[in-house]
Amino acid sequence: MPDRRAHHFWDGRRVAGHAFQTLELGEDRLRGSDALWDVYLLFDREARWPAGGDAPRPAWWEHQLQHMPDERRLDAARFAAKAASLEGTP
């Protein structure tokens, strides 16, 4: 994603994958056998990840996983529209 606001990190120890693995998302819960992959998370400007704390709850998420809600399956146009709507958040 070529945007100065986006940050890309290599996570060889899968710290992020493990942290988001048990994140509660409304009635849905993200689950993975080892670490969470193929999930796309958008956060509003107020989201913070406290040192040693739980992962922040995303404002929107989509996935490419089995056994997860079909209505949250990745749709690039919808995801881009959600990202654009969060962009305007003060």
C-alpha atoms as a PDB file:
ATOM      1  CA  MET A   1       0.000   0.000   0.000  1.00  0.00           C
ATOM      2  CA  PRO A   2       1.865   3.086  -1.197  1.00  0.00           C
ATOM      3  CA  ASP A   3       0.627   5.547   1.409  1.00  0.00           C
ATOM      4  CA  ARG A   4       2.801   7.382   3.920  1.00  0.00           C
ATOM      5  CA  ARG A   5       0.234   6.635   6.639  1.00  0.00           C
ATOM      6  CA  ALA A   6       0.492   2.871   6.134  1.00  0.00           C
ATOM      7  CA  HIS A   7       3.225   1.039   7.986  1.00  0.00           C
ATOM      8  CA  HIS A   8       4.617  -2.293   6.877  1.00  0.00           C
ATOM      9  CA  PHE A   9       6.619  -4.499   9.210  1.00  0.00           C
ATOM     10  CA  TRP A  10       8.114  -7.969   8.971  1.00  0.00           C
ATOM     11  CA  ASP A  11       6.885 -10.050  11.888  1.00  0.00           C
ATOM     12  CA  GLY A  12       9.051 -13.158  11.750  1.00  0.00           C
ATOM     13  CA  ARG A  13       8.027 -14.159  15.286  1.00  0.00           C
ATOM     14  CA  ARG A  14       4.314 -13.758  14.354  1.00  0.00           C
ATOM     15  CA  VAL A  15       3.640 -11.486  17.327  1.00  0.00           C
ATOM     16  CA  ALA A  16       0.796  -9.665  15.544  1.00  0.00           C
ATOM     17  CA  GLY A  17      -0.710 -12.897  14.229  1.00  0.00           C
ATOM     18  CA  HIS A  18      -0.860 -14.290  17.747  1.00  0.00           C
ATOM     19  CA  ALA A  19      -2.152 -11.054  19.286  1.00  0.00           C
ATOM     20  CA  PHE A  20      -5.097 -10.792  16.888  1.00  0.00           C
ATOM     21  CA  GLN A  21      -5.849 -14.529  16.921  1.00  0.00           C
ATOM     22  CA  THR A  22      -8.309 -14.247  19.822  1.00  0.00           C
ATOM     23  CA  LEU A  23      -9.635 -10.765  19.099  1.00  0.00           C
ATOM     24  CA  GLU A  24     -13.356 -10.433  19.722  1.00  0.00           C
ATOM     25  CA  LEU A  25     -15.146  -8.747  16.827  1.00  0.00           C
ATOM     26  CA  GLY A  26     -18.737  -8.314  17.834  1.00  0.00           C
ATOM     27  CA  GLU A  27     -20.247 -11.783  17.780  1.00  0.00           C
ATOM     28  CA  ASP A  28     -17.359 -13.165  15.733  1.00  0.00           C
ATOM     29  CA  ARG A  29     -14.035 -14.387  17.034  1.00  0.00           C
ATOM     30  CA  LEU A  30     -10.951 -14.727  14.881  1.00  0.00           C
ATOM     31  CA  ARG A  31      -9.362 -18.132  15.258  1.00  0.00           C
ATOM     32  CA  GLY A  32      -6.280 -19.688  13.749  1.00  0.00           C
ATOM     33  CA  SER A  33      -4.325 -22.827  14.460  1.00  0.00           C
ATOM     34  CA  ASP A  34      -1.021 -21.053  14.973  1.00  0.00           C
ATOM     35  CA  ALA A  35      -1.299 -17.354  14.161  1.00  0.00           C
ATOM     36  CA  LEU A  36      -3.907 -15.290  12.372  1.00  0.00           C
ATOM     37  CA  TRP A  37      -3.387 -14.711   8.634  1.00  0.00           C
ATOM     38  CA  ASP A  38      -5.499 -13.435   5.754  1.00  0.00           C
ATOM     39  CA  VAL A  39      -7.437 -10.957   7.859  1.00  0.00           C
ATOM     40  CA  TYR A  40      -7.562  -7.276   6.921  1.00  0.00           C
ATOM     41  CA  LEU A  41      -8.080  -4.774   9.719  1.00  0.00           C
ATOM     42  CA  LEU A  42      -8.869  -1.058   9.596  1.00  0.00           C
ATOM     43  CA  PHE A  43      -8.432   1.149  12.641  1.00  0.00           C
ATOM     44  CA  ASP A  44      -9.714   4.635  13.349  1.00  0.00           C
ATOM     45  CA  ARG A  45      -7.377   7.408  14.414  1.00  0.00           C
ATOM     46  CA  GLU A  46      -8.047   6.787  18.108  1.00  0.00           C
ATOM     47  CA  ALA A  47      -6.809   3.169  18.062  1.00  0.00           C
ATOM     48  CA  ARG A  48      -3.757   2.536  20.255  1.00  0.00           C
ATOM     49  CA  TRP A  49      -1.961  -0.663  21.155  1.00  0.00           C
ATOM     50  CA  PRO A  50      -0.771  -0.266  24.733  1.00  0.00           C
ATOM     51  CA  ALA A  51       2.548  -1.858  25.644  1.00  0.00           C
ATOM     52  CA  GLY A  52       1.775  -5.259  27.086  1.00  0.00           C
ATOM     53  CA  GLY A  53      -1.953  -4.741  26.507  1.00  0.00           C
ATOM     54  CA  ASP A  54      -4.547  -6.349  24.314  1.00  0.00           C
ATOM     55  CA  ALA A  55      -4.746  -5.626  20.612  1.00  0.00           C
ATOM     56  CA  PRO A  56      -7.047  -2.715  19.770  1.00  0.00           C
ATOM     57  CA  ARG A  57     -10.427  -3.472  18.296  1.00  0.00           C
ATOM     58  CA  PRO A  58     -10.556  -2.566  14.593  1.00  0.00           C
ATOM     59  CA  ALA A  59     -13.206  -0.254  13.181  1.00  0.00           C
ATOM     60  CA  TRP A  60     -13.702  -2.694  10.281  1.00  0.00           C
ATOM     61  CA  TRP A  61     -12.353  -6.082   9.241  1.00  0.00           C
ATOM     62  CA  GLU A  62     -12.619  -8.590   6.438  1.00  0.00           C
ATOM     63  CA  HIS A  63     -11.053 -12.005   5.879  1.00  0.00           C
ATOM     64  CA  GLN A  64     -10.109 -14.764   3.472  1.00  0.00           C
ATOM     65  CA  LEU A  65     -10.675 -17.637   5.885  1.00  0.00           C
ATOM     66  CA  GLN A  66     -12.919 -20.655   6.048  1.00  0.00           C
ATOM     67  CA  HIS A  67     -15.486 -20.952   8.836  1.00  0.00           C
ATOM     68  CA  MET A  68     -15.879 -17.202   9.151  1.00  0.00           C
ATOM     69  CA  PRO A  69     -18.893 -15.065   8.175  1.00  0.00           C
ATOM     70  CA  ASP A  70     -19.399 -14.841   4.410  1.00  0.00           C
ATOM     71  CA  GLU A  71     -20.608 -11.249   4.803  1.00  0.00           C
ATOM     72  CA  ARG A  72     -17.076 -10.354   5.994  1.00  0.00           C
ATOM     73  CA  ARG A  73     -15.255 -12.134   3.147  1.00  0.00           C
ATOM     74  CA  LEU A  74     -12.776  -9.734   1.544  1.00  0.00           C
ATOM     75  CA  ASP A  75     -14.372  -7.443  -1.025  1.00  0.00           C
ATOM     76  CA  ALA A  76     -11.739  -5.010  -2.309  1.00  0.00           C
ATOM     77  CA  ALA A  77     -14.181  -2.268  -3.313  1.00  0.00           C
ATOM     78  CA  ARG A  78     -16.057  -2.404  -0.013  1.00  0.00           C
ATOM     79  CA  PHE A  79     -12.807  -2.475   1.960  1.00  0.00           C
ATOM     80  CA  ALA A  80     -11.485   0.554   0.053  1.00  0.00           C
ATOM     81  CA  ALA A  81     -14.742   2.429   0.717  1.00  0.00           C
ATOM     82  CA  LYS A  82     -14.522   1.649   4.458  1.00  0.00           C
ATOM     83  CA  ALA A  83     -10.900   2.824   4.500  1.00  0.00           C
ATOM     84  CA  ALA A  84     -11.865   6.053   2.730  1.00  0.00           C
ATOM     85  CA  SER A  85     -14.678   6.668   5.217  1.00  0.00           C
ATOM     86  CA  LEU A  86     -12.257   6.250   8.140  1.00  0.00           C
ATOM     87  CA  GLU A  87      -9.841   8.652   6.511  1.00  0.00           C
ATOM     88  CA  GLY A  88     -12.204  11.504   7.299  1.00  0.00           C
ATOM     89  CA  THR A  89     -12.456  10.587  10.997  1.00  0.00           C
ATOM     90  CA  PRO A  90     -11.166  13.464  13.155  1.00  0.00           C
END
